[in-house]
Amino acid sequence: MGRLALGTLLALTVCVAQPAHAGTIVLGDSGWEAIWDSSLDGLVDIAVDAVTDDAVFIEKSAQFLQGPNEAGLFPTIPIVFRQIAWPAVSQIIINDEIISNSTGSDWTGFRMELLDSGNATFNSASTFGSGFTTSPFSNQTFSDDLTVFNVDGGVVADGGIWFPGLTGDLYIDVVPSQQAPFTLFTLKETPVPEPATVVLLAIGACACIRRRRAA
């Protein structure tokens, strides 16, 4: 599925209620599959572009609907990547991603995190070397252990669509297991709200506390 086709798919996701579907996709003959919770059916989609000797290239779309809670935190979208066979490729490469902001709040940053396994890390050298872009976010930072990728320095407005990797690829290095239990890890994505939104939520939370105490 190409960029145009995936963009059309996301536009339909935004405008039309989609029927539920199984939140599991086998990533070709890479030895991996991707899984997401049924509550995300119609909001997440993954397509396989290609499988090589040691990598699988995927396209991914995600639509965020819920705004930040009283603590100023957005609900996350977690996707589990599970090894289902040996041999399995040792790189999962996101070469197109489309993320839709339908949360009612502007974003001033975004966080991607690898959880649940010491066998998955971002490959910062290959990602930067590919020319991976995150516009309108101008700052890109990987954690020292390469399990967190933060971007900021820009705004994705409510109702906007963000295209990380419009050029370049996001590389994830994995260490597959030769026997069960196979490798499993979670890619968790979380928007960062603008500071003004966080302040308003904090004021609202304080007001609610005062009303409860007065009652």
Protein backbone atom coordinates (compact mmCIF):
# COMPACT_ATOMS: atom_id res chain seq x y z
CA MET A 1 0.00 0.00 0.00
CA GLY A 2 1.52 3.34 -1.04
CA ARG A 3 1.41 6.75 0.64
CA LEU A 4 -1.58 7.90 -1.42
CA ALA A 5 -3.61 4.80 -0.71
CA LEU A 6 -2.80 4.89 3.01
CA GLY A 7 -3.66 8.60 3.16
CA THR A 8 -7.02 7.90 1.54
CA LEU A 9 -7.63 5.13 4.06
CA LEU A 10 -6.94 7.44 6.98
CA ALA A 11 -9.20 10.14 5.55
CA LEU A 12 -12.01 7.62 5.43
CA THR A 13 -11.22 6.60 9.00
CA VAL A 14 -11.60 10.20 10.13
CA CYS A 15 -14.89 10.79 8.31
CA VAL A 16 -16.67 7.45 8.32
CA ALA A 17 -17.28 4.95 11.10
CA GLN A 18 -15.48 1.78 10.06
CA PRO A 19 -16.60 -1.75 10.87
CA ALA A 20 -14.60 -3.56 13.54
CA HIS A 21 -11.90 -5.95 12.39
CA ALA A 22 -9.45 -8.29 14.01
CA GLY A 23 -6.61 -6.34 15.59
CA THR A 24 -3.92 -8.71 14.34
CA ILE A 25 -1.83 -8.65 11.18
CA VAL A 26 0.89 -11.10 10.20
CA LEU A 27 3.85 -9.13 8.86
CA GLY A 28 4.39 -11.18 5.72
CA ASP A 29 6.91 -13.98 6.11
CA SER A 30 9.06 -11.92 8.49
CA GLY A 31 8.32 -14.17 11.48
CA TRP A 32 6.42 -11.34 13.23
CA GLU A 33 2.85 -10.18 13.76
CA ALA A 34 1.37 -6.94 15.13
CA ILE A 35 -1.52 -6.91 17.59
CA TRP A 36 -3.69 -4.16 19.06
CA ASP A 37 -6.63 -4.07 21.46
CA SER A 38 -10.12 -4.44 20.00
CA SER A 39 -10.96 -0.96 21.34
CA LEU A 40 -8.59 0.38 18.67
CA ASP A 41 -10.30 -1.39 15.77
CA GLY A 42 -10.85 1.13 13.01
CA LEU A 43 -8.30 3.51 14.54
CA VAL A 44 -5.10 1.59 13.79
CA ASP A 45 -3.97 0.03 10.53
CA ILE A 46 -0.72 -1.61 9.45
CA ALA A 47 0.31 -2.68 5.96
CA VAL A 48 3.42 -4.59 4.91
CA ASP A 49 5.44 -2.95 2.13
CA ALA A 50 8.24 -5.51 1.80
CA VAL A 51 10.17 -8.24 3.56
CA THR A 52 13.89 -8.68 2.95
CA ASP A 53 16.37 -11.20 4.35
CA ASP A 54 16.64 -9.33 7.64
CA ALA A 55 13.94 -6.64 7.73
CA VAL A 56 10.23 -6.01 7.33
CA PHE A 57 9.07 -2.61 6.04
CA ILE A 58 5.65 -1.48 7.23
CA GLU A 59 3.26 1.45 6.90
CA LYS A 60 1.18 2.41 9.91
CA SER A 61 -1.73 4.73 10.60
CA ALA A 62 -3.22 5.72 13.96
CA GLN A 63 -6.08 8.04 14.88
CA PHE A 64 -6.09 9.56 18.36
CA LEU A 65 -9.57 10.49 19.61
CA GLN A 66 -9.36 11.07 23.37
CA GLY A 67 -8.17 14.31 24.89
CA PRO A 68 -5.88 14.61 27.92
CA ASN A 69 -7.09 13.59 31.36
CA GLU A 70 -7.02 15.74 34.51
CA ALA A 71 -3.31 15.04 34.88
CA GLY A 72 -2.71 16.42 31.39
CA LEU A 73 -1.84 13.04 29.89
CA PHE A 74 -3.23 11.63 26.65
CA PRO A 75 -4.32 7.99 26.46
CA THR A 76 -1.74 6.00 24.52
CA ILE A 77 -2.01 3.72 21.51
CA PRO A 78 0.01 0.54 22.21
CA ILE A 79 0.81 -1.96 19.47
CA VAL A 80 2.34 -5.31 20.41
CA PHE A 81 4.87 -6.88 18.06
CA ARG A 82 5.16 -10.63 18.63
CA GLN A 83 7.57 -13.05 17.08
CA ILE A 84 5.65 -16.06 15.77
CA ALA A 85 8.33 -18.11 14.04
CA TRP A 86 12.02 -18.80 13.66
CA PRO A 87 13.87 -17.61 11.65
CA ALA A 88 12.62 -14.06 12.02
CA VAL A 89 13.95 -10.73 10.77
CA SER A 90 15.93 -8.54 13.17
CA GLN A 91 14.64 -5.14 12.01
CA ILE A 92 11.12 -3.73 11.90
CA ILE A 93 11.23 -0.55 9.80
CA ILE A 94 8.37 1.97 9.69
CA ASN A 95 8.79 3.67 6.33
CA ASP A 96 5.46 5.53 6.38
CA GLU A 97 3.31 6.66 9.28
CA ILE A 98 0.15 8.75 9.34
CA ILE A 99 -1.12 10.01 12.70
CA SER A 100 -4.39 11.90 13.05
CA ASN A 101 -5.13 14.36 15.86
CA SER A 102 -8.85 14.18 16.65
CA THR A 103 -8.40 14.80 20.38
CA GLY A 104 -9.82 18.31 20.71
CA SER A 105 -6.39 19.61 21.76
CA ASP A 106 -3.26 20.77 19.96
CA TRP A 107 -0.09 18.72 20.35
CA THR A 108 3.32 20.25 21.03
CA GLY A 109 5.18 16.96 21.06
CA PHE A 110 4.96 13.21 20.64
CA ARG A 111 6.55 10.24 22.41
CA MET A 112 7.28 6.73 21.10
CA GLU A 113 8.41 4.11 23.59
CA LEU A 114 9.46 0.46 23.38
CA LEU A 115 8.27 -1.59 26.35
CA ASP A 116 8.13 -5.13 27.76
CA SER A 117 11.38 -6.44 26.37
CA GLY A 118 15.09 -5.78 26.48
CA ASN A 119 15.23 -7.16 22.96
CA ALA A 120 13.95 -4.10 21.06
CA THR A 121 15.62 -0.71 20.62
CA PHE A 122 15.42 2.19 18.21
CA ASN A 123 18.34 2.41 15.81
CA SER A 124 19.12 6.12 15.94
CA ALA A 125 22.04 5.97 13.49
CA SER A 126 20.02 4.27 10.74
CA THR A 127 16.98 6.47 11.45
CA PHE A 128 18.93 9.73 11.22
CA GLY A 129 20.98 8.35 8.34
CA SER A 130 17.82 7.68 6.34
CA GLY A 131 16.79 11.34 6.66
CA PHE A 132 13.80 10.56 8.87
CA THR A 133 11.67 13.69 9.23
CA THR A 134 9.12 14.66 11.89
CA SER A 135 7.98 18.08 10.62
CA PRO A 136 6.39 20.22 12.04
CA PHE A 137 8.35 18.97 15.07
CA SER A 138 11.92 20.16 14.70
CA ASN A 139 13.55 18.42 17.67
CA GLN A 140 14.25 14.67 17.73
CA THR A 141 15.74 12.98 20.81
CA PHE A 142 16.45 9.33 21.59
CA SER A 143 16.95 8.19 25.18
CA ASP A 144 20.37 6.84 26.15
CA ASP A 145 19.08 3.25 26.13
CA LEU A 146 17.36 3.82 22.74
CA THR A 147 13.94 2.76 24.03
CA VAL A 148 12.30 6.22 23.87
CA PHE A 149 12.00 8.63 20.94
CA ASN A 150 10.71 12.13 21.75
CA VAL A 151 9.90 14.90 19.30
CA ASP A 152 8.87 18.50 20.00
CA GLY A 153 9.46 22.03 18.76
CA GLY A 154 6.28 22.32 16.72
CA VAL A 155 2.50 21.98 16.80
CA VAL A 156 0.05 19.50 15.32
CA ALA A 157 -3.29 21.29 15.63
CA ASP A 158 -6.50 19.57 16.59
CA GLY A 159 -7.98 18.13 13.42
CA GLY A 160 -4.56 17.92 11.76
CA ILE A 161 -2.73 14.96 10.31
CA TRP A 162 0.95 14.35 11.01
CA PHE A 163 3.27 12.43 8.67
CA PRO A 164 6.40 11.28 10.57
CA GLY A 165 8.72 9.61 8.12
CA LEU A 166 7.39 11.40 5.08
CA THR A 167 11.02 11.06 4.10
CA GLY A 168 13.29 8.51 5.74
CA ASP A 169 12.49 5.50 7.92
CA LEU A 170 12.18 4.75 11.64
CA TYR A 171 14.34 1.70 12.44
CA ILE A 172 13.62 -0.71 15.30
CA ASP A 173 16.27 -3.35 16.00
CA VAL A 174 14.98 -6.58 17.54
CA VAL A 175 16.62 -9.74 18.83
CA PRO A 176 14.46 -12.68 17.81
CA SER A 177 14.56 -15.88 19.81
CA GLN A 178 15.45 -19.19 18.20
CA GLN A 179 12.86 -21.02 20.31
CA ALA A 180 9.80 -20.35 22.45
CA PRO A 181 9.15 -18.21 24.34
CA PHE A 182 9.62 -15.91 21.35
CA THR A 183 10.42 -12.20 21.57
CA LEU A 184 7.59 -9.78 22.29
CA PHE A 185 7.62 -6.01 22.74
CA THR A 186 5.20 -3.08 22.70
CA LEU A 187 5.44 0.16 20.73
CA LYS A 188 3.54 2.78 22.75
CA GLU A 189 2.74 6.14 21.15
CA THR A 190 1.57 9.15 23.15
CA PRO A 191 0.85 12.76 22.11
CA VAL A 192 2.04 15.63 24.30
CA PRO A 193 -0.55 18.41 24.90
CA GLU A 194 0.25 22.07 24.64
CA PRO A 195 1.15 23.65 28.01
CA ALA A 196 -1.95 25.87 28.05
CA THR A 197 -4.16 22.78 27.91
CA VAL A 198 -2.32 21.24 30.85
CA VAL A 199 -2.75 24.44 32.89
CA LEU A 200 -6.49 24.55 32.18
CA LEU A 201 -6.89 20.91 33.17
CA ALA A 202 -4.97 21.53 36.41
CA ILE A 203 -7.21 24.51 37.23
CA GLY A 204 -10.28 22.41 36.53
CA ALA A 205 -9.01 19.59 38.71
CA CYS A 206 -8.32 21.98 41.60
CA ALA A 207 -11.81 23.46 41.27
CA CYS A 208 -13.34 19.98 41.43
CA ILE A 209 -11.35 19.20 44.59
CA ARG A 210 -12.48 22.43 46.24
CA ARG A 211 -16.12 21.69 45.40
CA ARG A 212 -15.87 18.18 46.85
CA ARG A 213 -14.30 19.54 50.07
CA ALA A 214 -16.98 22.21 50.35
CA ALA A 215 -19.68 19.58 49.96
